[in-house]
Amino acid sequence: MVHYRRSIQPGGTFFFTVALLDRNADLLTRRIDALRRAFATARSDRPFEIVAAVVLPEHLHTVW
């Protein structure tokens, strides 16, 4: 299991990338509506601001 170092900073800005295991997949763009709903659900549970997001077929970059 990977152990990530987590910085808890109220009001902090965080950049992260998420990549699919299958780098040939197009799931994130093909199912963009489901991804938008997932972001909306997460934001309703734990409010945060999405400063920027780039969604590519097999990975995404975000600044929160």
N, C-alpha and C. Protein backbone atom coordinates (compact mmCIF):
# COMPACT_ATOMS: atom_id res chain seq x y z
N MET A 1 0.84 -1.17 0.00
CA MET A 1 0.00 0.00 0.00
C MET A 1 0.90 1.25 0.00
N VAL A 2 0.50 2.22 -0.78
CA VAL A 2 1.25 3.47 -0.84
C VAL A 2 0.85 4.34 0.34
N HIS A 3 1.83 4.95 0.97
CA HIS A 3 1.57 5.86 2.08
C HIS A 3 1.86 7.28 1.62
N TYR A 4 0.81 8.07 1.47
CA TYR A 4 0.96 9.44 1.01
C TYR A 4 1.12 10.37 2.20
N ARG A 5 1.92 11.37 2.04
CA ARG A 5 2.06 12.42 3.03
C ARG A 5 0.94 13.42 2.76
N ARG A 6 0.14 13.71 3.73
CA ARG A 6 -0.98 14.62 3.55
C ARG A 6 -0.74 15.91 4.31
N SER A 7 -0.89 17.00 3.60
CA SER A 7 -0.76 18.32 4.21
C SER A 7 -2.16 18.87 4.42
N ILE A 8 -2.53 19.08 5.66
CA ILE A 8 -3.84 19.63 5.98
C ILE A 8 -3.68 21.13 6.17
N GLN A 9 -4.07 21.88 5.17
CA GLN A 9 -3.94 23.33 5.20
C GLN A 9 -5.30 23.95 4.90
N PRO A 10 -6.00 24.46 5.89
CA PRO A 10 -7.26 25.14 5.60
C PRO A 10 -7.02 26.27 4.61
N GLY A 11 -7.77 26.27 3.55
CA GLY A 11 -7.62 27.30 2.52
C GLY A 11 -6.44 27.07 1.60
N GLY A 12 -5.79 25.92 1.70
CA GLY A 12 -4.63 25.63 0.85
C GLY A 12 -5.05 25.31 -0.58
N THR A 13 -4.10 25.36 -1.49
CA THR A 13 -4.31 25.02 -2.89
C THR A 13 -3.52 23.75 -3.17
N PHE A 14 -4.16 22.80 -3.85
CA PHE A 14 -3.54 21.51 -4.09
C PHE A 14 -3.66 21.15 -5.57
N PHE A 15 -2.57 20.62 -6.14
CA PHE A 15 -2.54 20.13 -7.51
C PHE A 15 -2.39 18.62 -7.45
N PHE A 16 -3.16 17.93 -8.27
CA PHE A 16 -2.93 16.49 -8.36
C PHE A 16 -3.34 15.95 -9.72
N THR A 17 -2.80 14.80 -10.03
CA THR A 17 -3.07 14.09 -11.28
C THR A 17 -3.62 12.72 -10.92
N VAL A 18 -4.61 12.28 -11.68
CA VAL A 18 -5.16 10.93 -11.54
C VAL A 18 -5.07 10.29 -12.90
N ALA A 19 -4.52 9.08 -12.96
CA ALA A 19 -4.37 8.37 -14.23
C ALA A 19 -5.04 7.01 -14.13
N LEU A 20 -5.69 6.61 -15.21
CA LEU A 20 -6.29 5.28 -15.28
C LEU A 20 -5.19 4.25 -15.44
N LEU A 21 -5.42 3.06 -14.93
CA LEU A 21 -4.46 1.98 -15.08
C LEU A 21 -4.25 1.66 -16.56
N ASP A 22 -5.34 1.63 -17.33
CA ASP A 22 -5.27 1.37 -18.77
C ASP A 22 -5.04 2.69 -19.48
N ARG A 23 -3.79 2.97 -19.84
CA ARG A 23 -3.44 4.25 -20.46
C ARG A 23 -3.97 4.37 -21.89
N ASN A 24 -4.58 3.32 -22.43
CA ASN A 24 -5.19 3.38 -23.76
C ASN A 24 -6.69 3.62 -23.68
N ALA A 25 -7.23 3.75 -22.49
CA ALA A 25 -8.67 3.93 -22.30
C ALA A 25 -9.09 5.37 -22.59
N ASP A 26 -10.38 5.54 -22.85
CA ASP A 26 -10.93 6.89 -23.07
C ASP A 26 -12.10 7.14 -22.11
N LEU A 27 -12.08 6.46 -21.00
CA LEU A 27 -13.19 6.47 -20.05
C LEU A 27 -13.53 7.87 -19.53
N LEU A 28 -12.53 8.66 -19.22
CA LEU A 28 -12.79 9.96 -18.59
C LEU A 28 -13.51 10.92 -19.54
N THR A 29 -13.18 10.88 -20.82
CA THR A 29 -13.89 11.75 -21.77
C THR A 29 -15.19 11.12 -22.25
N ARG A 30 -15.20 9.80 -22.38
CA ARG A 30 -16.43 9.12 -22.82
C ARG A 30 -17.53 9.23 -21.76
N ARG A 31 -17.15 9.23 -20.49
CA ARG A 31 -18.12 9.30 -19.39
C ARG A 31 -18.01 10.62 -18.64
N ILE A 32 -17.78 11.72 -19.36
CA ILE A 32 -17.55 13.02 -18.75
C ILE A 32 -18.73 13.46 -17.88
N ASP A 33 -19.96 13.11 -18.27
CA ASP A 33 -21.12 13.49 -17.45
C ASP A 33 -21.08 12.82 -16.08
N ALA A 34 -20.68 11.56 -16.04
CA ALA A 34 -20.55 10.86 -14.76
C ALA A 34 -19.42 11.47 -13.92
N LEU A 35 -18.34 11.88 -14.57
CA LEU A 35 -17.24 12.53 -13.85
C LEU A 35 -17.71 13.86 -13.26
N ARG A 36 -18.47 14.63 -14.03
CA ARG A 36 -19.01 15.90 -13.51
C ARG A 36 -19.91 15.68 -12.31
N ARG A 37 -20.76 14.65 -12.39
CA ARG A 37 -21.64 14.34 -11.25
C ARG A 37 -20.83 13.93 -10.03
N ALA A 38 -19.76 13.16 -10.24
CA ALA A 38 -18.91 12.74 -9.12
C ALA A 38 -18.25 13.95 -8.46
N PHE A 39 -17.76 14.89 -9.27
CA PHE A 39 -17.18 16.10 -8.71
C PHE A 39 -18.23 16.89 -7.94
N ALA A 40 -19.43 17.01 -8.48
CA ALA A 40 -20.51 17.76 -7.81
C ALA A 40 -20.88 17.10 -6.48
N THR A 41 -20.95 15.78 -6.46
CA THR A 41 -21.26 15.06 -5.22
C THR A 41 -20.16 15.29 -4.18
N ALA A 42 -18.92 15.19 -4.61
CA ALA A 42 -17.80 15.41 -3.68
C ALA A 42 -17.83 16.83 -3.13
N ARG A 43 -18.12 17.81 -4.01
CA ARG A 43 -18.16 19.20 -3.57
C ARG A 43 -19.32 19.48 -2.62
N SER A 44 -20.42 18.75 -2.76
CA SER A 44 -21.54 18.96 -1.84
C SER A 44 -21.25 18.35 -0.47
N ASP A 45 -20.48 17.25 -0.45
CA ASP A 45 -20.11 16.61 0.81
C ASP A 45 -18.98 17.35 1.53
N ARG A 46 -18.01 17.80 0.78
CA ARG A 46 -16.82 18.47 1.31
C ARG A 46 -16.52 19.68 0.43
N PRO A 47 -17.09 20.84 0.73
CA PRO A 47 -16.96 22.01 -0.16
C PRO A 47 -15.50 22.38 -0.46
N PHE A 48 -15.23 22.58 -1.72
CA PHE A 48 -13.91 23.04 -2.18
C PHE A 48 -14.12 23.74 -3.52
N GLU A 49 -13.14 24.53 -3.90
CA GLU A 49 -13.19 25.26 -5.16
C GLU A 49 -12.28 24.56 -6.17
N ILE A 50 -12.81 24.34 -7.36
CA ILE A 50 -11.99 23.81 -8.44
C ILE A 50 -11.43 25.02 -9.19
N VAL A 51 -10.13 25.25 -9.04
CA VAL A 51 -9.48 26.39 -9.68
C VAL A 51 -9.26 26.10 -11.15
N ALA A 52 -8.84 24.88 -11.45
CA ALA A 52 -8.59 24.48 -12.84
C ALA A 52 -8.69 22.97 -12.93
N ALA A 53 -9.09 22.49 -14.11
CA ALA A 53 -9.14 21.05 -14.36
C ALA A 53 -8.91 20.80 -15.84
N VAL A 54 -8.11 19.80 -16.12
CA VAL A 54 -7.87 19.36 -17.49
C VAL A 54 -8.20 17.88 -17.52
N VAL A 55 -9.17 17.51 -18.35
CA VAL A 55 -9.58 16.11 -18.45
C VAL A 55 -9.16 15.58 -19.81
N LEU A 56 -8.34 14.58 -19.79
CA LEU A 56 -7.88 13.90 -20.99
C LEU A 56 -8.48 12.50 -20.99
N PRO A 57 -8.42 11.78 -22.09
CA PRO A 57 -9.10 10.48 -22.14
C PRO A 57 -8.72 9.52 -21.01
N GLU A 58 -7.44 9.49 -20.61
CA GLU A 58 -7.01 8.49 -19.62
C GLU A 58 -6.43 9.09 -18.36
N HIS A 59 -6.39 10.41 -18.24
CA HIS A 59 -5.96 11.01 -16.98
C HIS A 59 -6.51 12.42 -16.84
N LEU A 60 -6.43 12.96 -15.61
CA LEU A 60 -6.87 14.31 -15.39
C LEU A 60 -5.92 15.02 -14.44
N HIS A 61 -5.85 16.34 -14.60
CA HIS A 61 -5.07 17.21 -13.72
C HIS A 61 -6.05 18.19 -13.10
N THR A 62 -5.90 18.48 -11.82
CA THR A 62 -6.77 19.46 -11.18
C THR A 62 -6.00 20.31 -10.19
N VAL A 63 -6.49 21.53 -10.02
CA VAL A 63 -6.02 22.41 -8.97
C VAL A 63 -7.23 22.74 -8.15
N TRP A 64 -7.17 22.37 -6.86
CA TRP A 64 -8.27 22.64 -5.94
C TRP A 64 -7.81 23.64 -4.92
